[in-house]
């Protein structure tokens, strides 16, 4: 996920799912939640 712009307490982000670009504006507290999900997913899928 890449943050494109910051507007107040929200960030415009892009990321790729199965090679397709997805774009959304999300509040900062959601970014912290998404970071936690990424950490847990890496922990479960690491060898």
C-alpha atoms as a PDB file:
ATOM      1  CA  UNK A   1       0.000   0.000   0.000  1.00  0.00           C
ATOM      2  CA  UNK A   2       1.245   3.457  -0.901  1.00  0.00           C
ATOM      3  CA  UNK A   3      -0.057   6.752   0.470  1.00  0.00           C
ATOM      4  CA  UNK A   4      -0.543   9.258  -2.352  1.00  0.00           C
ATOM      5  CA  UNK A   5      -1.846  12.293  -0.459  1.00  0.00           C
ATOM      6  CA  UNK A   6      -2.824  13.285   3.053  1.00  0.00           C
ATOM      7  CA  UNK A   7      -5.992  15.309   3.647  1.00  0.00           C
ATOM      8  CA  UNK A   8      -6.641  16.169   7.288  1.00  0.00           C
ATOM      9  CA  UNK A   9      -7.037  12.870   9.135  1.00  0.00           C
ATOM     10  CA  UNK A  10      -7.392  10.774   5.956  1.00  0.00           C
ATOM     11  CA  UNK A  11      -4.956   9.394   3.400  1.00  0.00           C
ATOM     12  CA  UNK A  12      -5.534   8.615  -0.263  1.00  0.00           C
ATOM     13  CA  UNK A  13      -3.929   5.199  -0.869  1.00  0.00           C
ATOM     14  CA  UNK A  14      -3.305   2.785  -3.716  1.00  0.00           C
ATOM     15  CA  UNK A  15      -2.448  -0.913  -3.653  1.00  0.00           C
ATOM     16  CA  UNK A  16      -2.615  -3.903  -5.955  1.00  0.00           C
ATOM     17  CA  UNK A  17      -4.830  -6.961  -5.657  1.00  0.00           C
ATOM     18  CA  UNK A  18      -4.125  -9.734  -8.180  1.00  0.00           C
ATOM     19  CA  UNK A  19      -2.354  -7.220 -10.419  1.00  0.00           C
ATOM     20  CA  UNK A  20      -5.219  -4.705 -10.415  1.00  0.00           C
ATOM     21  CA  UNK A  21      -4.755  -1.280  -8.850  1.00  0.00           C
ATOM     22  CA  UNK A  22      -7.159  -0.362  -6.057  1.00  0.00           C
ATOM     23  CA  UNK A  23      -7.506   3.198  -4.788  1.00  0.00           C
ATOM     24  CA  UNK A  24      -9.308   4.470  -1.680  1.00  0.00           C
ATOM     25  CA  UNK A  25      -9.325   7.277   0.851  1.00  0.00           C
ATOM     26  CA  UNK A  26      -9.089   5.895   4.369  1.00  0.00           C
ATOM     27  CA  UNK A  27      -8.871   7.427   7.855  1.00  0.00           C
ATOM     28  CA  UNK A  28      -5.527   7.155   9.650  1.00  0.00           C
ATOM     29  CA  UNK A  29      -6.922   4.838  12.342  1.00  0.00           C
ATOM     30  CA  UNK A  30      -7.780   2.349   9.567  1.00  0.00           C
ATOM     31  CA  UNK A  31      -4.171   2.418   8.357  1.00  0.00           C
ATOM     32  CA  UNK A  32      -2.993   1.331  11.794  1.00  0.00           C
ATOM     33  CA  UNK A  33      -5.519  -1.521  11.673  1.00  0.00           C
ATOM     34  CA  UNK A  34      -4.377  -2.560   8.171  1.00  0.00           C
ATOM     35  CA  UNK A  35      -0.757  -2.568   9.344  1.00  0.00           C
ATOM     36  CA  UNK A  36      -1.687  -4.960  12.164  1.00  0.00           C
ATOM     37  CA  UNK A  37      -3.451  -7.279   9.695  1.00  0.00           C
ATOM     38  CA  UNK A  38      -0.327  -7.286   7.495  1.00  0.00           C
ATOM     39  CA  UNK A  39       1.898  -8.209  10.434  1.00  0.00           C
ATOM     40  CA  UNK A  40      -0.396 -11.092  11.442  1.00  0.00           C
ATOM     41  CA  UNK A  41      -0.642 -12.348   7.831  1.00  0.00           C
ATOM     42  CA  UNK A  42       3.164 -12.328   7.446  1.00  0.00           C
ATOM     43  CA  UNK A  43       3.481 -14.207  10.741  1.00  0.00           C
ATOM     44  CA  UNK A  44       1.064 -16.948   9.588  1.00  0.00           C
ATOM     45  CA  UNK A  45       2.583 -17.301   6.111  1.00  0.00           C
ATOM     46  CA  UNK A  46       6.289 -17.176   7.043  1.00  0.00           C
ATOM     47  CA  UNK A  47       8.297 -20.380   6.929  1.00  0.00           C
END
